[in-house]
Structures are given as structure tokens and as C-alpha cells.
Amino acid sequence: MKKRILSLLLVALCLSFVACSACDSPAPEKPILYFYPEEDTIVSAKLELNGQLTCTYPEHGADGWQDYLAKPDGTLISPDGGEYYALYWEGEIEASMDFTKGFCVEGSQTADFLAEMLPRLGLNAHEVNEFIIYWLPQMQGNAYNLISFQTDAYTDNAKLILSPEPDTLIRVFMAWKAVDQPIGIEPQTIATPERIGFTVVEWGGCKVG
């Protein structure tokens, strides 16, 4: 099966908090990992940060999350029998987020914007709902939000090692900042990934400034 490794990051959302040198040391909030194999599969995952992990659930040991049974519906069973629907982490990294392209969105329109944009970034309905529920309370009351979906600025500083390697890897990381007035910014071009075969999805984000 043709392997497709797709990395798309949102510069305003972070399921796991990653601290950025240009963000007054914010942390990527709540990066979370979902696994969708085509059949029951033993999987392992390890994060290599340009920084340090501050919180993980279940615990990310020295060798990461090792030997979890992943089921096609997304359920994860740990070696000790614990059942999870995803893997969660927070951390601190030294990285500068890229706002050369993005979107400026009125605060009251944030929910509609995310509901439209996140599926284009590759998230399914369940993942979209979780993303919006986490970030909307922080964003909807602002006059405007400047949003940029990160790629290398995130993945180069939060490397993810997976075994076995998935056919499709989607990493969505949103960096965002609250602004008082609309700001002109070149829109990002979004390429929608196709979820083929064994798929791993991560979403997260961070507030800048």
C-alpha cells in the first residue's frame, strides 16, 4: 500500500502544550494521538522534543509508549490492560512559530472557521469536536484571532517515532494569537490528506504572546 506521510500543523491549537521561545514560553496544549489500524496491531510511539515533556497520560516512559494494542475503532490497550482512546502529552520546546501565512478570524466566527478548516486538514468529526471544545473557550471572546497552521516549525521540534510506521500520518498543530484589530496576512494553502490504511492522527496547538 502506498505510504503517505502527511504533516499539517495548526499554529493556534495544541492538544499538548509546547513552549515556544517566541511565545513568552507558552506550551503546546494537549497534543493528543489517535491510532486507527486496519486490524488489531501492536503499536509503539515515542516523542523526541527539543525541550522536555511536562505531562503525559498514560505515562510516556524513557522508551515512550511501548506495545499498546491498537484496534480499528481507535481503542488502545496498554500492556497492563488499561484502556484509552488516545495518548496525551504536554511539553516545553524551544521553537518559533511561523506566522508568514495564516488567517485572521473574528472571535465570534472562530467555531465556524474551525468547523470548516479542520476537516480540510484531515481530522474526522470526532477529532474536530474535541479540538473545538478545547480551544473555543479561549478564542471566541477575542476581537480577532490570528491563526497559522504549523508544519516544520512544529514537527522539527517535536519528532514522533512510530512503530510500525503508519500508511498515513496527520499532525495538526495550530498556533494562534489574540489581536484587537484585523491583520492582513497571506492565506495558507491547505492540502487535504487522504486517510489510507493504518492512520495515525495528532492534533494540538499553542497560544502565542
C-alpha atoms as a PDB file:
ATOM      1  CA  MET A   1       0.000   0.000   0.000  1.00  0.00           C
ATOM      2  CA  LYS A   2       1.313   3.396  -0.948  1.00  0.00           C
ATOM      3  CA  LYS A   3       2.648   5.161   2.109  1.00  0.00           C
ATOM      4  CA  ARG A   4       1.578   8.733   2.652  1.00  0.00           C
ATOM      5  CA  ILE A   5       3.151  10.688   5.465  1.00  0.00           C
ATOM      6  CA  LEU A   6       1.379  13.984   5.827  1.00  0.00           C
ATOM      7  CA  SER A   7       2.278  16.590   8.405  1.00  0.00           C
ATOM      8  CA  LEU A   8      -0.047  19.543   8.837  1.00  0.00           C
ATOM      9  CA  LEU A   9       0.168  21.689  11.926  1.00  0.00           C
ATOM     10  CA  LEU A  10      -2.136  24.398  13.238  1.00  0.00           C
ATOM     11  CA  VAL A  11      -0.390  27.437  14.635  1.00  0.00           C
ATOM     12  CA  ALA A  12      -3.104  28.064  17.127  1.00  0.00           C
ATOM     13  CA  LEU A  13      -4.148  24.757  18.529  1.00  0.00           C
ATOM     14  CA  CYS A  14      -2.154  22.363  20.527  1.00  0.00           C
ATOM     15  CA  LEU A  15      -3.537  19.290  22.284  1.00  0.00           C
ATOM     16  CA  SER A  16      -0.279  19.216  24.104  1.00  0.00           C
ATOM     17  CA  PHE A  17       1.392  22.403  25.308  1.00  0.00           C
ATOM     18  CA  VAL A  18       4.723  23.150  23.627  1.00  0.00           C
ATOM     19  CA  ALA A  19       6.574  26.173  24.850  1.00  0.00           C
ATOM     20  CA  CYS A  20       7.945  28.478  22.144  1.00  0.00           C
ATOM     21  CA  SER A  21      10.845  30.863  22.525  1.00  0.00           C
ATOM     22  CA  ALA A  22       8.822  33.485  20.615  1.00  0.00           C
ATOM     23  CA  CYS A  23       5.659  32.884  22.630  1.00  0.00           C
ATOM     24  CA  ASP A  24       6.669  34.129  26.070  1.00  0.00           C
ATOM     25  CA  SER A  25       7.236  30.462  26.850  1.00  0.00           C
ATOM     26  CA  PRO A  26       3.737  29.110  26.183  1.00  0.00           C
ATOM     27  CA  ALA A  27       3.390  25.352  25.907  1.00  0.00           C
ATOM     28  CA  PRO A  28       1.720  23.345  23.178  1.00  0.00           C
ATOM     29  CA  GLU A  29      -1.538  22.430  24.760  1.00  0.00           C
ATOM     30  CA  LYS A  30      -2.905  18.948  24.721  1.00  0.00           C
ATOM     31  CA  PRO A  31      -1.326  17.281  21.752  1.00  0.00           C
ATOM     32  CA  ILE A  32      -3.203  14.006  21.516  1.00  0.00           C
ATOM     33  CA  LEU A  33      -2.533  10.930  19.386  1.00  0.00           C
ATOM     34  CA  TYR A  34      -5.123   8.624  17.815  1.00  0.00           C
ATOM     35  CA  PHE A  35      -4.342   5.265  16.183  1.00  0.00           C
ATOM     36  CA  TYR A  36      -6.558   3.671  13.523  1.00  0.00           C
ATOM     37  CA  PRO A  37      -5.095   0.389  12.246  1.00  0.00           C
ATOM     38  CA  GLU A  38      -6.958  -1.738   9.720  1.00  0.00           C
ATOM     39  CA  GLU A  39      -6.730  -4.697  12.108  1.00  0.00           C
ATOM     40  CA  ASP A  40      -5.639  -5.275  15.706  1.00  0.00           C
ATOM     41  CA  THR A  41      -1.990  -4.125  15.799  1.00  0.00           C
ATOM     42  CA  ILE A  42       0.706  -3.779  18.473  1.00  0.00           C
ATOM     43  CA  VAL A  43       1.997  -0.200  18.267  1.00  0.00           C
ATOM     44  CA  SER A  44       4.652   1.915  19.973  1.00  0.00           C
ATOM     45  CA  ALA A  45       5.216   5.678  19.932  1.00  0.00           C
ATOM     46  CA  LYS A  46       7.985   7.898  21.218  1.00  0.00           C
ATOM     47  CA  LEU A  47       8.358  11.677  21.284  1.00  0.00           C
ATOM     48  CA  GLU A  48      11.723  13.382  20.842  1.00  0.00           C
ATOM     49  CA  LEU A  49      11.334  17.031  21.850  1.00  0.00           C
ATOM     50  CA  ASN A  50      13.655  19.969  21.526  1.00  0.00           C
ATOM     51  CA  GLY A  51      12.773  20.541  25.168  1.00  0.00           C
ATOM     52  CA  GLN A  52      11.079  18.373  27.747  1.00  0.00           C
ATOM     53  CA  LEU A  53       7.792  16.634  28.438  1.00  0.00           C
ATOM     54  CA  THR A  54       5.872  18.070  31.386  1.00  0.00           C
ATOM     55  CA  CYS A  55       2.804  15.815  31.488  1.00  0.00           C
ATOM     56  CA  THR A  56       1.740  12.627  29.727  1.00  0.00           C
ATOM     57  CA  TYR A  57      -1.213  10.278  30.083  1.00  0.00           C
ATOM     58  CA  PRO A  58      -0.778   7.401  30.106  1.00  0.00           C
ATOM     59  CA  GLU A  59       2.848   7.779  31.167  1.00  0.00           C
ATOM     60  CA  HIS A  60       5.402   8.242  28.412  1.00  0.00           C
ATOM     61  CA  GLY A  61       8.378   6.269  29.756  1.00  0.00           C
ATOM     62  CA  ALA A  62      12.010   6.566  28.752  1.00  0.00           C
ATOM     63  CA  ASP A  63      11.213   4.474  25.679  1.00  0.00           C
ATOM     64  CA  GLY A  64       7.849   6.131  25.017  1.00  0.00           C
ATOM     65  CA  TRP A  65       4.527   4.309  24.864  1.00  0.00           C
ATOM     66  CA  GLN A  66       5.507   0.722  24.155  1.00  0.00           C
ATOM     67  CA  ASP A  67       3.499  -2.273  22.935  1.00  0.00           C
ATOM     68  CA  TYR A  68      -0.062  -0.945  23.016  1.00  0.00           C
ATOM     69  CA  LEU A  69      -2.753  -2.968  21.294  1.00  0.00           C
ATOM     70  CA  ALA A  70      -4.475  -0.643  18.823  1.00  0.00           C
ATOM     71  CA  LYS A  71      -7.897  -1.595  17.470  1.00  0.00           C
ATOM     72  CA  PRO A  72      -9.550  -0.354  14.263  1.00  0.00           C
ATOM     73  CA  ASP A  73     -12.090   1.728  16.248  1.00  0.00           C
ATOM     74  CA  GLY A  74      -9.228   3.687  17.849  1.00  0.00           C
ATOM     75  CA  THR A  75      -9.233   1.896  21.211  1.00  0.00           C
ATOM     76  CA  LEU A  76      -5.793   1.440  22.771  1.00  0.00           C
ATOM     77  CA  ILE A  77      -4.987  -1.267  25.339  1.00  0.00           C
ATOM     78  CA  SER A  78      -1.797  -0.812  27.355  1.00  0.00           C
ATOM     79  CA  PRO A  79       0.409  -3.772  28.314  1.00  0.00           C
ATOM     80  CA  ASP A  80      -1.073  -3.672  31.834  1.00  0.00           C
ATOM     81  CA  GLY A  81      -4.643  -3.827  30.482  1.00  0.00           C
ATOM     82  CA  GLY A  82      -5.580  -0.136  30.723  1.00  0.00           C
ATOM     83  CA  GLU A  83      -7.970   1.118  28.036  1.00  0.00           C
ATOM     84  CA  TYR A  84      -7.587   4.506  26.340  1.00  0.00           C
ATOM     85  CA  TYR A  85      -8.971   6.290  23.293  1.00  0.00           C
ATOM     86  CA  ALA A  86      -5.806   8.342  22.680  1.00  0.00           C
ATOM     87  CA  LEU A  87      -2.367   9.218  24.035  1.00  0.00           C
ATOM     88  CA  TYR A  88      -1.896  12.667  25.590  1.00  0.00           C
ATOM     89  CA  TRP A  89       1.151  14.806  26.198  1.00  0.00           C
ATOM     90  CA  GLU A  90       2.286  18.290  27.133  1.00  0.00           C
ATOM     91  CA  GLY A  91       5.778  19.696  26.945  1.00  0.00           C
ATOM     92  CA  GLU A  92       8.086  22.643  26.581  1.00  0.00           C
ATOM     93  CA  ILE A  93      10.040  23.209  23.390  1.00  0.00           C
ATOM     94  CA  GLU A  94      12.337  25.898  22.094  1.00  0.00           C
ATOM     95  CA  ALA A  95      10.798  26.870  18.773  1.00  0.00           C
ATOM     96  CA  SER A  96       9.492  29.921  16.934  1.00  0.00           C
ATOM     97  CA  MET A  97       6.103  29.629  15.282  1.00  0.00           C
ATOM     98  CA  ASP A  98       5.730  30.735  11.651  1.00  0.00           C
ATOM     99  CA  PHE A  99       3.116  33.437  11.009  1.00  0.00           C
ATOM    100  CA  THR A 100       4.159  34.386   7.491  1.00  0.00           C
ATOM    101  CA  LYS A 101       0.896  32.873   6.249  1.00  0.00           C
ATOM    102  CA  GLY A 102      -2.370  32.115   8.005  1.00  0.00           C
ATOM    103  CA  PHE A 103      -5.804  33.526   8.717  1.00  0.00           C
ATOM    104  CA  CYS A 104      -7.253  36.402  10.713  1.00  0.00           C
ATOM    105  CA  VAL A 105     -10.638  35.378  12.089  1.00  0.00           C
ATOM    106  CA  GLU A 106     -13.184  37.359  14.071  1.00  0.00           C
ATOM    107  CA  GLY A 107     -13.537  35.831  17.520  1.00  0.00           C
ATOM    108  CA  SER A 108     -17.267  35.235  17.161  1.00  0.00           C
ATOM    109  CA  GLN A 109     -16.585  33.335  13.906  1.00  0.00           C
ATOM    110  CA  THR A 110     -13.958  31.020  15.389  1.00  0.00           C
ATOM    111  CA  ALA A 111     -16.224  27.987  15.765  1.00  0.00           C
ATOM    112  CA  ASP A 112     -17.417  28.222  12.145  1.00  0.00           C
ATOM    113  CA  PHE A 113     -13.867  28.716  10.900  1.00  0.00           C
ATOM    114  CA  LEU A 114     -12.536  25.689  12.750  1.00  0.00           C
ATOM    115  CA  ALA A 115     -15.503  23.526  11.786  1.00  0.00           C
ATOM    116  CA  GLU A 116     -14.728  24.283   8.141  1.00  0.00           C
ATOM    117  CA  MET A 117     -10.923  24.180   8.305  1.00  0.00           C
ATOM    118  CA  LEU A 118     -10.202  21.139  10.473  1.00  0.00           C
ATOM    119  CA  PRO A 119     -11.769  18.557   8.099  1.00  0.00           C
ATOM    120  CA  ARG A 120      -9.673  20.096   5.314  1.00  0.00           C
ATOM    121  CA  LEU A 121      -6.622  19.416   7.475  1.00  0.00           C
ATOM    122  CA  GLY A 122      -7.619  15.769   7.743  1.00  0.00           C
ATOM    123  CA  LEU A 123      -9.487  15.481  11.054  1.00  0.00           C
ATOM    124  CA  ASN A 124     -12.654  13.391  11.331  1.00  0.00           C
ATOM    125  CA  ALA A 125     -15.852  14.551  13.070  1.00  0.00           C
ATOM    126  CA  HIS A 126     -14.864  13.206  16.498  1.00  0.00           C
ATOM    127  CA  GLU A 127     -11.424  14.821  16.340  1.00  0.00           C
ATOM    128  CA  VAL A 128     -12.883  18.116  15.108  1.00  0.00           C
ATOM    129  CA  ASN A 129     -15.337  18.209  18.016  1.00  0.00           C
ATOM    130  CA  GLU A 130     -12.589  17.582  20.575  1.00  0.00           C
ATOM    131  CA  PHE A 131     -10.371  20.237  19.028  1.00  0.00           C
ATOM    132  CA  ILE A 132     -13.086  22.900  19.024  1.00  0.00           C
ATOM    133  CA  ILE A 133     -14.297  22.051  22.534  1.00  0.00           C
ATOM    134  CA  TYR A 134     -10.777  22.521  23.861  1.00  0.00           C
ATOM    135  CA  TRP A 135      -9.831  25.730  22.055  1.00  0.00           C
ATOM    136  CA  LEU A 136     -13.094  27.642  21.522  1.00  0.00           C
ATOM    137  CA  PRO A 137     -13.443  28.937  25.116  1.00  0.00           C
ATOM    138  CA  GLN A 138     -10.030  30.629  24.786  1.00  0.00           C
ATOM    139  CA  MET A 139     -10.694  32.151  21.375  1.00  0.00           C
ATOM    140  CA  GLN A 140     -14.324  33.123  20.846  1.00  0.00           C
ATOM    141  CA  GLY A 141     -14.246  36.125  23.214  1.00  0.00           C
ATOM    142  CA  ASN A 142     -11.329  37.812  21.441  1.00  0.00           C
ATOM    143  CA  ALA A 143     -11.892  40.595  18.921  1.00  0.00           C
ATOM    144  CA  TYR A 144      -9.856  38.648  16.342  1.00  0.00           C
ATOM    145  CA  ASN A 145      -7.582  35.621  16.296  1.00  0.00           C
ATOM    146  CA  LEU A 146      -4.512  35.361  14.094  1.00  0.00           C
ATOM    147  CA  ILE A 147      -4.158  31.665  13.223  1.00  0.00           C
ATOM    148  CA  SER A 148      -1.418  29.794  11.412  1.00  0.00           C
ATOM    149  CA  PHE A 149      -1.209  26.034  10.863  1.00  0.00           C
ATOM    150  CA  GLN A 150       2.342  24.912  11.554  1.00  0.00           C
ATOM    151  CA  THR A 151       4.429  22.395   9.697  1.00  0.00           C
ATOM    152  CA  ASP A 152       8.227  22.223  10.059  1.00  0.00           C
ATOM    153  CA  ALA A 153       8.318  24.698  12.954  1.00  0.00           C
ATOM    154  CA  TYR A 154       6.426  22.096  14.963  1.00  0.00           C
ATOM    155  CA  THR A 155       7.494  18.723  13.551  1.00  0.00           C
ATOM    156  CA  ASP A 156      11.231  19.565  13.574  1.00  0.00           C
ATOM    157  CA  ASN A 157      10.991  20.258  17.307  1.00  0.00           C
ATOM    158  CA  ALA A 158       8.518  17.540  18.290  1.00  0.00           C
ATOM    159  CA  LYS A 159       9.630  14.437  16.414  1.00  0.00           C
ATOM    160  CA  LEU A 160       7.347  11.422  16.572  1.00  0.00           C
ATOM    161  CA  ILE A 161       8.762   7.918  16.184  1.00  0.00           C
ATOM    162  CA  LEU A 162       6.125   5.275  15.417  1.00  0.00           C
ATOM    163  CA  SER A 163       6.324   1.516  15.113  1.00  0.00           C
ATOM    164  CA  PRO A 164       5.061   0.181  12.846  1.00  0.00           C
ATOM    165  CA  GLU A 165       5.157   3.221  10.588  1.00  0.00           C
ATOM    166  CA  PRO A 166       1.637   4.246   9.542  1.00  0.00           C
ATOM    167  CA  ASP A 167       0.459   4.471   5.955  1.00  0.00           C
ATOM    168  CA  THR A 168      -0.945   7.922   6.755  1.00  0.00           C
ATOM    169  CA  LEU A 169       0.341  10.319   9.406  1.00  0.00           C
ATOM    170  CA  ILE A 170      -1.593  13.557  10.034  1.00  0.00           C
ATOM    171  CA  ARG A 171      -0.199  16.055  12.546  1.00  0.00           C
ATOM    172  CA  VAL A 172      -2.280  19.207  13.020  1.00  0.00           C
ATOM    173  CA  PHE A 173      -0.827  21.983  15.130  1.00  0.00           C
ATOM    174  CA  MET A 174      -2.447  25.399  15.367  1.00  0.00           C
ATOM    175  CA  ALA A 175      -0.528  28.432  16.597  1.00  0.00           C
ATOM    176  CA  TRP A 176      -2.647  31.480  17.355  1.00  0.00           C
ATOM    177  CA  LYS A 177      -2.613  34.887  18.988  1.00  0.00           C
ATOM    178  CA  ALA A 178      -5.407  37.232  20.065  1.00  0.00           C
ATOM    179  CA  VAL A 179      -5.377  40.635  18.287  1.00  0.00           C
ATOM    180  CA  ASP A 180      -7.525  43.740  18.701  1.00  0.00           C
ATOM    181  CA  GLN A 181      -7.871  44.588  15.012  1.00  0.00           C
ATOM    182  CA  PRO A 182      -7.930  42.612  11.769  1.00  0.00           C
ATOM    183  CA  ILE A 183      -4.460  41.946  10.375  1.00  0.00           C
ATOM    184  CA  GLY A 184      -3.708  41.384   6.711  1.00  0.00           C
ATOM    185  CA  ILE A 185      -1.972  38.044   6.175  1.00  0.00           C
ATOM    186  CA  GLU A 186      -1.425  35.868   3.122  1.00  0.00           C
ATOM    187  CA  PRO A 187      -3.821  32.898   3.358  1.00  0.00           C
ATOM    188  CA  GLN A 188      -2.314  29.463   3.792  1.00  0.00           C
ATOM    189  CA  THR A 189      -2.861  26.883   1.092  1.00  0.00           C
ATOM    190  CA  ILE A 190      -4.358  23.750   2.620  1.00  0.00           C
ATOM    191  CA  ALA A 191      -3.949  20.335   1.006  1.00  0.00           C
ATOM    192  CA  THR A 192      -6.440  17.813   2.356  1.00  0.00           C
ATOM    193  CA  PRO A 193      -4.798  14.463   3.162  1.00  0.00           C
ATOM    194  CA  GLU A 194      -6.439  11.177   2.237  1.00  0.00           C
ATOM    195  CA  ARG A 195      -6.688   8.739   5.129  1.00  0.00           C
ATOM    196  CA  ILE A 196      -5.417   5.477   3.639  1.00  0.00           C
ATOM    197  CA  GLY A 197      -4.558   2.273   5.507  1.00  0.00           C
ATOM    198  CA  PHE A 198      -3.124   2.407   9.032  1.00  0.00           C
ATOM    199  CA  THR A 199      -3.659   6.037  10.038  1.00  0.00           C
ATOM    200  CA  VAL A 200      -2.203   7.976  12.977  1.00  0.00           C
ATOM    201  CA  VAL A 201      -3.561  11.446  13.813  1.00  0.00           C
ATOM    202  CA  GLU A 202      -2.214  14.064  16.189  1.00  0.00           C
ATOM    203  CA  TRP A 203      -3.693  17.463  16.956  1.00  0.00           C
ATOM    204  CA  GLY A 204      -2.551  20.236  19.257  1.00  0.00           C
ATOM    205  CA  GLY A 205      -1.802  23.935  19.412  1.00  0.00           C
ATOM    206  CA  CYS A 206      -0.366  26.871  21.315  1.00  0.00           C
ATOM    207  CA  LYS A 207      -1.322  30.423  22.160  1.00  0.00           C
ATOM    208  CA  VAL A 208       1.391  32.900  21.233  1.00  0.00           C
ATOM    209  CA  GLY A 209       2.011  36.078  23.170  1.00  0.00           C
END
